[in-house]
Each structure stands twice: as structure tokens, then as C-alpha cells.
Amino acid sequence: MQTQYVRTSKRGKHHTYSRNKTVVLFRCDACQGVFKRDKGNMDPKRLDNRYYHVCGNCDAKKFAQEKGVESRRVWDMPVSSLKTLDQF
């Protein structure tokens, strides 16, 4: 994405210049919608699919609590259980 800016020089002349922004598309893990984020505003480690991504329309804290409950169910399950992981 390219944005245009105008700056004023010391002598009062206006100069236009442009800056390029890299935008990354993510799929929200809560609502499955697609959203954009600037690459420069994110930690490079979080650009991986191993991390969860939540859009601005969804509640990230509620999503994190639900994921915590799911993982606690898996870890608190007895070893002798016949349930597989996809049955949660």
C-alpha cells in the first residue's frame, strides 16, 4: 500500500513524497473473517500460523479464555479415557 505525504521545506516550498507500507492479510480464528494489519506494527514471530489471530471486531480476551478452557480439558483428561482430541 502506498501513501502520499506533503512536507514543507525550509524555504516554504511544498514537496510530495510517498511511503510504501506492507500489509498482511490474516484470517480471524474466532469469526473466520479476513482482516489486514500493517507488517511494521507486528512482532515478526507472530506472522506465523502457529499463533492465533483475532480481528478487531472480536473480543480477544474472550477468545483466549475459550482456548484456555479447551487446553485445560485436554490436560485434565485421565489417561485411560477413550476420547480422541477431535471429540472436544
PDB file of N, CA and C in Angstrom:
ATOM      1  N   MET A   1       0.845  -1.148   0.000  1.00  0.00           N
ATOM      2  CA  MET A   1       0.000   0.000   0.000  1.00  0.00           C
ATOM      3  C   MET A   1       0.908   1.233   0.000  1.00  0.00           C
ATOM      4  N   GLN A   2       0.586   2.201  -0.810  1.00  0.00           N
ATOM      5  CA  GLN A   2       1.404   3.397  -0.925  1.00  0.00           C
ATOM      6  C   GLN A   2       0.601   4.599  -0.438  1.00  0.00           C
ATOM      7  N   THR A   3       1.203   5.406   0.453  1.00  0.00           N
ATOM      8  CA  THR A   3       0.543   6.602   0.974  1.00  0.00           C
ATOM      9  C   THR A   3       1.336   7.827   0.563  1.00  0.00           C
ATOM     10  N   GLN A   4       0.645   8.906   0.282  1.00  0.00           N
ATOM     11  CA  GLN A   4       1.251  10.157  -0.154  1.00  0.00           C
ATOM     12  C   GLN A   4       1.265  11.160   1.000  1.00  0.00           C
ATOM     13  N   TYR A   5       2.350  11.881   1.147  1.00  0.00           N
ATOM     14  CA  TYR A   5       2.505  12.902   2.180  1.00  0.00           C
ATOM     15  C   TYR A   5       3.036  14.177   1.541  1.00  0.00           C
ATOM     16  N   VAL A   6       2.840  15.303   2.220  1.00  0.00           N
ATOM     17  CA  VAL A   6       3.366  16.595   1.773  1.00  0.00           C
ATOM     18  C   VAL A   6       4.159  17.184   2.928  1.00  0.00           C
ATOM     19  N   ARG A   7       5.375  17.634   2.642  1.00  0.00           N
ATOM     20  CA  ARG A   7       6.180  18.295   3.657  1.00  0.00           C
ATOM     21  C   ARG A   7       6.546  19.682   3.148  1.00  0.00           C
ATOM     22  N   THR A   8       6.834  20.568   4.071  1.00  0.00           N
ATOM     23  CA  THR A   8       7.209  21.928   3.722  1.00  0.00           C
ATOM     24  C   THR A   8       8.696  22.097   3.977  1.00  0.00           C
ATOM     25  N   SER A   9       9.413  22.611   2.997  1.00  0.00           N
ATOM     26  CA  SER A   9      10.854  22.806   3.141  1.00  0.00           C
ATOM     27  C   SER A   9      11.144  24.057   3.970  1.00  0.00           C
ATOM     28  N   LYS A  10      12.426  24.312   4.215  1.00  0.00           N
ATOM     29  CA  LYS A  10      12.830  25.487   4.985  1.00  0.00           C
ATOM     30  C   LYS A  10      12.408  26.784   4.301  1.00  0.00           C
ATOM     31  N   ARG A  11      12.391  26.757   2.999  1.00  0.00           N
ATOM     32  CA  ARG A  11      12.059  27.968   2.254  1.00  0.00           C
ATOM     33  C   ARG A  11      10.568  28.084   1.939  1.00  0.00           C
ATOM     34  N   GLY A  12       9.751  27.152   2.452  1.00  0.00           N
ATOM     35  CA  GLY A  12       8.299  27.249   2.287  1.00  0.00           C
ATOM     36  C   GLY A  12       7.738  26.512   1.099  1.00  0.00           C
ATOM     37  N   LYS A  13       8.557  25.819   0.350  1.00  0.00           N
ATOM     38  CA  LYS A  13       8.071  25.080  -0.810  1.00  0.00           C
ATOM     39  C   LYS A  13       7.507  23.732  -0.352  1.00  0.00           C
ATOM     40  N   HIS A  14       6.403  23.304  -0.960  1.00  0.00           N
ATOM     41  CA  HIS A  14       5.764  22.042  -0.601  1.00  0.00           C
ATOM     42  C   HIS A  14       6.296  20.920  -1.498  1.00  0.00           C
ATOM     43  N   HIS A  15       6.680  19.825  -0.879  1.00  0.00           N
ATOM     44  CA  HIS A  15       7.186  18.662  -1.601  1.00  0.00           C
ATOM     45  C   HIS A  15       6.314  17.464  -1.259  1.00  0.00           C
ATOM     46  N   THR A  16       5.925  16.716  -2.276  1.00  0.00           N
ATOM     47  CA  THR A  16       5.164  15.489  -2.041  1.00  0.00           C
ATOM     48  C   THR A  16       6.123  14.304  -2.078  1.00  0.00           C
ATOM     49  N   TYR A  17       5.855  13.352  -1.206  1.00  0.00           N
ATOM     50  CA  TYR A  17       6.633  12.119  -1.194  1.00  0.00           C
ATOM     51  C   TYR A  17       5.707  10.974  -0.819  1.00  0.00           C
ATOM     52  N   SER A  18       6.141   9.777  -1.137  1.00  0.00           N
ATOM     53  CA  SER A  18       5.291   8.606  -0.870  1.00  0.00           C
ATOM     54  C   SER A  18       6.070   7.594  -0.043  1.00  0.00           C
ATOM     55  N   ARG A  19       5.323   6.832   0.740  1.00  0.00           N
ATOM     56  CA  ARG A  19       5.894   5.766   1.560  1.00  0.00           C
ATOM     57  C   ARG A  19       5.153   4.481   1.255  1.00  0.00           C
ATOM     58  N   ASN A  20       5.896   3.387   1.197  1.00  0.00           N
ATOM     59  CA  ASN A  20       5.284   2.078   0.953  1.00  0.00           C
ATOM     60  C   ASN A  20       5.084   1.362   2.278  1.00  0.00           C
ATOM     61  N   LYS A  21       3.890   0.804   2.462  1.00  0.00           N
ATOM     62  CA  LYS A  21       3.572   0.007   3.645  1.00  0.00           C
ATOM     63  C   LYS A  21       3.286  -1.413   3.193  1.00  0.00           C
ATOM     64  N   THR A  22       3.795  -2.366   3.948  1.00  0.00           N
ATOM     65  CA  THR A  22       3.479  -3.757   3.670  1.00  0.00           C
ATOM     66  C   THR A  22       2.312  -4.161   4.564  1.00  0.00           C
ATOM     67  N   VAL A  23       1.271  -4.670   3.961  1.00  0.00           N
ATOM     68  CA  VAL A  23       0.062  -5.071   4.681  1.00  0.00           C
ATOM     69  C   VAL A  23      -0.053  -6.583   4.604  1.00  0.00           C
ATOM     70  N   VAL A  24      -0.393  -7.191   5.740  1.00  0.00           N
ATOM     71  CA  VAL A  24      -0.519  -8.644   5.826  1.00  0.00           C
ATOM     72  C   VAL A  24      -1.988  -8.989   6.040  1.00  0.00           C
ATOM     73  N   LEU A  25      -2.489  -9.984   5.310  1.00  0.00           N
ATOM     74  CA  LEU A  25      -3.863 -10.458   5.473  1.00  0.00           C
ATOM     75  C   LEU A  25      -3.879 -11.657   6.410  1.00  0.00           C
ATOM     76  N   PHE A  26      -4.771 -11.618   7.391  1.00  0.00           N
ATOM     77  CA  PHE A  26      -4.934 -12.712   8.344  1.00  0.00           C
ATOM     78  C   PHE A  26      -6.366 -13.207   8.307  1.00  0.00           C
ATOM     79  N   ARG A  27      -6.566 -14.443   8.728  1.00  0.00           N
ATOM     80  CA  ARG A  27      -7.903 -14.981   8.932  1.00  0.00           C
ATOM     81  C   ARG A  27      -8.141 -15.055  10.431  1.00  0.00           C
ATOM     82  N   CYS A  28      -9.233 -14.461  10.889  1.00  0.00           N
ATOM     83  CA  CYS A  28      -9.559 -14.436  12.315  1.00  0.00           C
ATOM     84  C   CYS A  28      -9.902 -15.850  12.769  1.00  0.00           C
ATOM     85  N   ASP A  29      -9.297 -16.281  13.863  1.00  0.00           N
ATOM     86  CA  ASP A  29      -9.561 -17.617  14.390  1.00  0.00           C
ATOM     87  C   ASP A  29     -10.875 -17.675  15.161  1.00  0.00           C
ATOM     88  N   ALA A  30     -11.466 -16.531  15.496  1.00  0.00           N
ATOM     89  CA  ALA A  30     -12.731 -16.513  16.217  1.00  0.00           C
ATOM     90  C   ALA A  30     -13.924 -16.512  15.259  1.00  0.00           C
ATOM     91  N   CYS A  31     -13.912 -15.624  14.253  1.00  0.00           N
ATOM     92  CA  CYS A  31     -15.075 -15.497  13.360  1.00  0.00           C
ATOM     93  C   CYS A  31     -14.783 -15.930  11.926  1.00  0.00           C
ATOM     94  N   GLN A  32     -13.566 -16.327  11.614  1.00  0.00           N
ATOM     95  CA  GLN A  32     -13.128 -16.774  10.289  1.00  0.00           C
ATOM     96  C   GLN A  32     -13.170 -15.674   9.240  1.00  0.00           C
ATOM     97  N   GLY A  33     -13.263 -14.410   9.656  1.00  0.00           N
ATOM     98  CA  GLY A  33     -13.224 -13.295   8.722  1.00  0.00           C
ATOM     99  C   GLY A  33     -11.784 -12.933   8.365  1.00  0.00           C
ATOM    100  N   VAL A  34     -11.612 -12.211   7.263  1.00  0.00           N
ATOM    101  CA  VAL A  34     -10.284 -11.793   6.816  1.00  0.00           C
ATOM    102  C   VAL A  34     -10.083 -10.339   7.235  1.00  0.00           C
ATOM    103  N   PHE A  35      -8.904 -10.023   7.783  1.00  0.00           N
ATOM    104  CA  PHE A  35      -8.591  -8.658   8.187  1.00  0.00           C
ATOM    105  C   PHE A  35      -7.147  -8.340   7.860  1.00  0.00           C
ATOM    106  N   LYS A  36      -6.820  -7.027   7.817  1.00  0.00           N
ATOM    107  CA  LYS A  36      -5.487  -6.560   7.442  1.00  0.00           C
ATOM    108  C   LYS A  36      -4.775  -5.970   8.657  1.00  0.00           C
ATOM    109  N   ARG A  37      -3.459  -6.140   8.689  1.00  0.00           N
ATOM    110  CA  ARG A  37      -2.609  -5.485   9.679  1.00  0.00           C
ATOM    111  C   ARG A  37      -1.345  -5.013   8.979  1.00  0.00           C
ATOM    112  N   ASP A  38      -0.800  -3.892   9.442  1.00  0.00           N
ATOM    113  CA  ASP A  38       0.479  -3.425   8.931  1.00  0.00           C
ATOM    114  C   ASP A  38       1.582  -4.332   9.453  1.00  0.00           C
ATOM    115  N   LYS A  39       2.468  -4.732   8.576  1.00  0.00           N
ATOM    116  CA  LYS A  39       3.544  -5.638   8.959  1.00  0.00           C
ATOM    117  C   LYS A  39       4.504  -4.971   9.937  1.00  0.00           C
ATOM    118  N   GLY A  40       4.712  -3.677   9.818  1.00  0.00           N
ATOM    119  CA  GLY A  40       5.636  -2.961  10.691  1.00  0.00           C
ATOM    120  C   GLY A  40       5.153  -2.850  12.118  1.00  0.00           C
ATOM    121  N   ASN A  41       3.843  -2.981  12.355  1.00  0.00           N
ATOM    122  CA  ASN A  41       3.292  -2.861  13.703  1.00  0.00           C
ATOM    123  C   ASN A  41       3.270  -4.188  14.450  1.00  0.00           C
ATOM    124  N   MET A  42       3.718  -5.261  13.816  1.00  0.00           N
ATOM    125  CA  MET A  42       3.625  -6.585  14.431  1.00  0.00           C
ATOM    126  C   MET A  42       4.999  -7.155  14.719  1.00  0.00           C
ATOM    127  N   ASP A  43       5.047  -8.007  15.727  1.00  0.00           N
ATOM    128  CA  ASP A  43       6.255  -8.751  16.018  1.00  0.00           C
ATOM    129  C   ASP A  43       6.453  -9.776  14.894  1.00  0.00           C
ATOM    130  N   PRO A  44       7.641  -9.891  14.323  1.00  0.00           N
ATOM    131  CA  PRO A  44       7.843 -10.831  13.209  1.00  0.00           C
ATOM    132  C   PRO A  44       7.538 -12.282  13.571  1.00  0.00           C
ATOM    133  N   LYS A  45       7.657 -12.646  14.831  1.00  0.00           N
ATOM    134  CA  LYS A  45       7.347 -14.018  15.246  1.00  0.00           C
ATOM    135  C   LYS A  45       5.861 -14.323  15.112  1.00  0.00           C
ATOM    136  N   ARG A  46       5.003 -13.314  15.252  1.00  0.00           N
ATOM    137  CA  ARG A  46       3.557 -13.531  15.218  1.00  0.00           C
ATOM    138  C   ARG A  46       2.999 -13.648  13.806  1.00  0.00           C
ATOM    139  N   LEU A  47       3.846 -13.523  12.801  1.00  0.00           N
ATOM    140  CA  LEU A  47       3.385 -13.668  11.420  1.00  0.00           C
ATOM    141  C   LEU A  47       3.209 -15.129  11.028  1.00  0.00           C
ATOM    142  N   ASP A  48       3.497 -16.038  11.922  1.00  0.00           N
ATOM    143  CA  ASP A  48       3.436 -17.473  11.671  1.00  0.00           C
ATOM    144  C   ASP A  48       2.028 -17.994  11.955  1.00  0.00           C
ATOM    145  N   ASN A  49       1.664 -19.111  11.359  1.00  0.00           N
ATOM    146  CA  ASN A  49       0.348 -19.710  11.575  1.00  0.00           C
ATOM    147  C   ASN A  49       0.238 -20.436  12.910  1.00  0.00           C
ATOM    148  N   ARG A  50       1.341 -20.586  13.631  1.00  0.00           N
ATOM    149  CA  ARG A  50       1.270 -21.243  14.938  1.00  0.00           C
ATOM    150  C   ARG A  50       0.599 -20.359  15.978  1.00  0.00           C
ATOM    151  N   TYR A  51       0.489 -19.067  15.720  1.00  0.00           N
ATOM    152  CA  TYR A  51      -0.143 -18.130  16.640  1.00  0.00           C
ATOM    153  C   TYR A  51      -1.593 -17.920  16.228  1.00  0.00           C
ATOM    154  N   TYR A  52      -2.431 -17.614  17.220  1.00  0.00           N
ATOM    155  CA  TYR A  52      -3.826 -17.279  16.929  1.00  0.00           C
ATOM    156  C   TYR A  52      -3.907 -15.804  16.555  1.00  0.00           C
ATOM    157  N   HIS A  53      -4.800 -15.473  15.625  1.00  0.00           N
ATOM    158  CA  HIS A  53      -5.021 -14.102  15.200  1.00  0.00           C
ATOM    159  C   HIS A  53      -6.496 -13.772  15.371  1.00  0.00           C
ATOM    160  N   VAL A  54      -6.775 -12.645  16.013  1.00  0.00           N
ATOM    161  CA  VAL A  54      -8.151 -12.229  16.270  1.00  0.00           C
ATOM    162  C   VAL A  54      -8.337 -10.827  15.703  1.00  0.00           C
ATOM    163  N   CYS A  55      -9.417 -10.625  14.960  1.00  0.00           N
ATOM    164  CA  CYS A  55      -9.674  -9.325  14.325  1.00  0.00           C
ATOM    165  C   CYS A  55     -10.153  -8.307  15.364  1.00  0.00           C
ATOM    166  N   GLY A  56     -10.296  -7.074  14.933  1.00  0.00           N
ATOM    167  CA  GLY A  56     -10.732  -6.008  15.829  1.00  0.00           C
ATOM    168  C   GLY A  56     -12.200  -6.093  16.203  1.00  0.00           C
ATOM    169  N   ASN A  57     -13.005  -6.826  15.446  1.00  0.00           N
ATOM    170  CA  ASN A  57     -14.438  -6.956  15.745  1.00  0.00           C
ATOM    171  C   ASN A  57     -14.702  -7.977  16.841  1.00  0.00           C
ATOM    172  N   CYS A  58     -13.788  -8.913  17.047  1.00  0.00           N
ATOM    173  CA  CYS A  58     -13.965  -9.974  18.041  1.00  0.00           C
ATOM    174  C   CYS A  58     -13.266  -9.596  19.346  1.00  0.00           C
ATOM    175  N   ASP A  59     -13.705 -10.218  20.429  1.00  0.00           N
ATOM    176  CA  ASP A  59     -13.109  -9.971  21.742  1.00  0.00           C
ATOM    177  C   ASP A  59     -11.948 -10.934  21.934  1.00  0.00           C
ATOM    178  N   ALA A  60     -10.725 -10.396  21.936  1.00  0.00           N
ATOM    179  CA  ALA A  60      -9.530 -11.239  22.034  1.00  0.00           C
ATOM    180  C   ALA A  60      -9.418 -11.917  23.391  1.00  0.00           C
ATOM    181  N   LYS A  61      -9.840 -11.235  24.453  1.00  0.00           N
ATOM    182  CA  LYS A  61      -9.734 -11.822  25.794  1.00  0.00           C
ATOM    183  C   LYS A  61     -10.703 -12.990  25.962  1.00  0.00           C
ATOM    184  N   LYS A  62     -11.895 -12.858  25.432  1.00  0.00           N
ATOM    185  CA  LYS A  62     -12.872 -13.952  25.491  1.00  0.00           C
ATOM    186  C   LYS A  62     -12.370 -15.146  24.684  1.00  0.00           C
ATOM    187  N   PHE A  63     -11.788 -14.877  23.514  1.00  0.00           N
ATOM    188  CA  PHE A  63     -11.237 -15.942  22.683  1.00  0.00           C
ATOM    189  C   PHE A  63     -10.110 -16.672  23.419  1.00  0.00           C
ATOM    190  N   ALA A  64      -9.238 -15.914  24.103  1.00  0.00           N
ATOM    191  CA  ALA A  64      -8.130 -16.522  24.841  1.00  0.00           C
ATOM    192  C   ALA A  64      -8.654 -17.377  25.999  1.00  0.00           C
ATOM    193  N   GLN A  65      -9.706 -16.934  26.670  1.00  0.00           N
ATOM    194  CA  GLN A  65     -10.280 -17.729  27.757  1.00  0.00           C
ATOM    195  C   GLN A  65     -10.855 -19.035  27.234  1.00  0.00           C
ATOM    196  N   GLU A  66     -11.522 -18.993  26.061  1.00  0.00           N
ATOM    197  CA  GLU A  66     -12.082 -20.215  25.493  1.00  0.00           C
ATOM    198  C   GLU A  66     -10.980 -21.199  25.116  1.00  0.00           C
ATOM    199  N   LYS A  67      -9.893 -20.699  24.555  1.00  0.00           N
ATOM    200  CA  LYS A  67      -8.776 -21.578  24.203  1.00  0.00           C
ATOM    201  C   LYS A  67      -8.131 -22.160  25.455  1.00  0.00           C
ATOM    202  N   GLY A  68      -8.082 -21.408  26.547  1.00  0.00           N
ATOM    203  CA  GLY A  68      -7.540 -21.913  27.804  1.00  0.00           C
ATOM    204  C   GLY A  68      -8.389 -23.031  28.373  1.00  0.00           C
ATOM    205  N   VAL A  69      -9.708 -22.898  28.254  1.00  0.00           N
ATOM    206  CA  VAL A  69     -10.618 -23.945  28.739  1.00  0.00           C
ATOM    207  C   VAL A  69     -10.434 -25.214  27.915  1.00  0.00           C
ATOM    208  N   GLU A  70     -10.295 -25.055  26.596  1.00  0.00           N
ATOM    209  CA  GLU A  70     -10.097 -26.234  25.738  1.00  0.00           C
ATOM    210  C   GLU A  70      -8.809 -26.971  26.091  1.00  0.00           C
ATOM    211  N   SER A  71      -7.730 -26.235  26.292  1.00  0.00           N
ATOM    212  CA  SER A  71      -6.463 -26.911  26.610  1.00  0.00           C
ATOM    213  C   SER A  71      -6.495 -27.518  28.005  1.00  0.00           C
ATOM    214  N   ARG A  72      -7.203 -26.889  28.952  1.00  0.00           N
ATOM    215  CA  ARG A  72      -7.309 -27.459  30.294  1.00  0.00           C
ATOM    216  C   ARG A  72      -8.092 -28.776  30.261  1.00  0.00           C
ATOM    217  N   ARG A  73      -9.119 -28.857  29.412  1.00  0.00           N
ATOM    218  CA  ARG A  73      -9.873 -30.107  29.285  1.00  0.00           C
ATOM    219  C   ARG A  73      -8.976 -31.235  28.783  1.00  0.00           C
ATOM    220  N   VAL A  74      -8.084 -30.908  27.861  1.00  0.00           N
ATOM    221  CA  VAL A  74      -7.186 -31.924  27.321  1.00  0.00           C
ATOM    222  C   VAL A  74      -6.199 -32.372  28.390  1.00  0.00           C
ATOM    223  N   TRP A  75      -5.620 -31.418  29.126  1.00  0.00           N
ATOM    224  CA  TRP A  75      -4.591 -31.771  30.112  1.00  0.00           C
ATOM    225  C   TRP A  75      -5.173 -32.425  31.366  1.00  0.00           C
ATOM    226  N   ASP A  76      -6.429 -32.120  31.718  1.00  0.00           N
ATOM    227  CA  ASP A  76      -7.052 -32.725  32.908  1.00  0.00           C
ATOM    228  C   ASP A  76      -7.707 -34.062  32.614  1.00  0.00           C
ATOM    229  N   MET A  77      -7.709 -34.495  31.371  1.00  0.00           N
ATOM    230  CA  MET A  77      -8.346 -35.749  30.992  1.00  0.00           C
ATOM    231  C   MET A  77      -7.508 -36.932  31.495  1.00  0.00           C
ATOM    232  N   PRO A  78      -8.133 -37.957  32.075  1.00  0.00           N
ATOM    233  CA  PRO A  78      -7.370 -39.121  32.518  1.00  0.00           C
ATOM    234  C   PRO A  78      -6.778 -39.883  31.332  1.00  0.00           C
ATOM    235  N   VAL A  79      -5.701 -40.560  31.589  1.00  0.00           N
ATOM    236  CA  VAL A  79      -5.003 -41.288  30.531  1.00  0.00           C
ATOM    237  C   VAL A  79      -5.845 -42.441  30.012  1.00  0.00           C
ATOM    238  N   SER A  80      -6.646 -43.037  30.876  1.00  0.00           N
ATOM    239  CA  SER A  80      -7.435 -44.196  30.473  1.00  0.00           C
ATOM    240  C   SER A  80      -8.672 -43.825  29.651  1.00  0.00           C
ATOM    241  N   SER A  81      -8.884 -42.554  29.376  1.00  0.00           N
ATOM    242  CA  SER A  81     -10.037 -42.116  28.602  1.00  0.00           C
ATOM    243  C   SER A  81      -9.907 -42.590  27.157  1.00  0.00           C
ATOM    244  N   LEU A  82     -11.040 -42.912  26.548  1.00  0.00           N
ATOM    245  CA  LEU A  82     -11.055 -43.382  25.166  1.00  0.00           C
ATOM    246  C   LEU A  82     -11.370 -42.269  24.183  1.00  0.00           C
ATOM    247  N   LYS A  83     -11.463 -41.037  24.659  1.00  0.00           N
ATOM    248  CA  LYS A  83     -11.762 -39.912  23.779  1.00  0.00           C
ATOM    249  C   LYS A  83     -10.521 -39.523  22.986  1.00  0.00           C
ATOM    250  N   THR A  84     -10.767 -39.154  21.755  1.00  0.00           N
ATOM    251  CA  THR A  84      -9.677 -38.602  20.940  1.00  0.00           C
ATOM    252  C   THR A  84      -9.744 -37.070  21.018  1.00  0.00           C
ATOM    253  N   LEU A  85      -8.716 -36.398  20.553  1.00  0.00           N
ATOM    254  CA  LEU A  85      -8.641 -34.945  20.672  1.00  0.00           C
ATOM    255  C   LEU A  85      -9.685 -34.228  19.845  1.00  0.00           C
ATOM    256  N   ASP A  86     -10.172 -34.837  18.775  1.00  0.00           N
ATOM    257  CA  ASP A  86     -11.160 -34.160  17.945  1.00  0.00           C
ATOM    258  C   ASP A  86     -12.569 -34.228  18.529  1.00  0.00           C
ATOM    259  N   GLN A  87     -12.771 -34.915  19.635  1.00  0.00           N
ATOM    260  CA  GLN A  87     -14.099 -35.023  20.249  1.00  0.00           C
ATOM    261  C   GLN A  87     -14.354 -33.921  21.260  1.00  0.00           C
ATOM    262  N   PHE A  88     -13.486 -32.954  21.385  1.00  0.00           N
ATOM    263  CA  PHE A  88     -13.702 -31.863  22.336  1.00  0.00           C
ATOM    264  C   PHE A  88     -14.396 -30.725  21.705  1.00  0.00           C
TER     265      PHE A  88
END
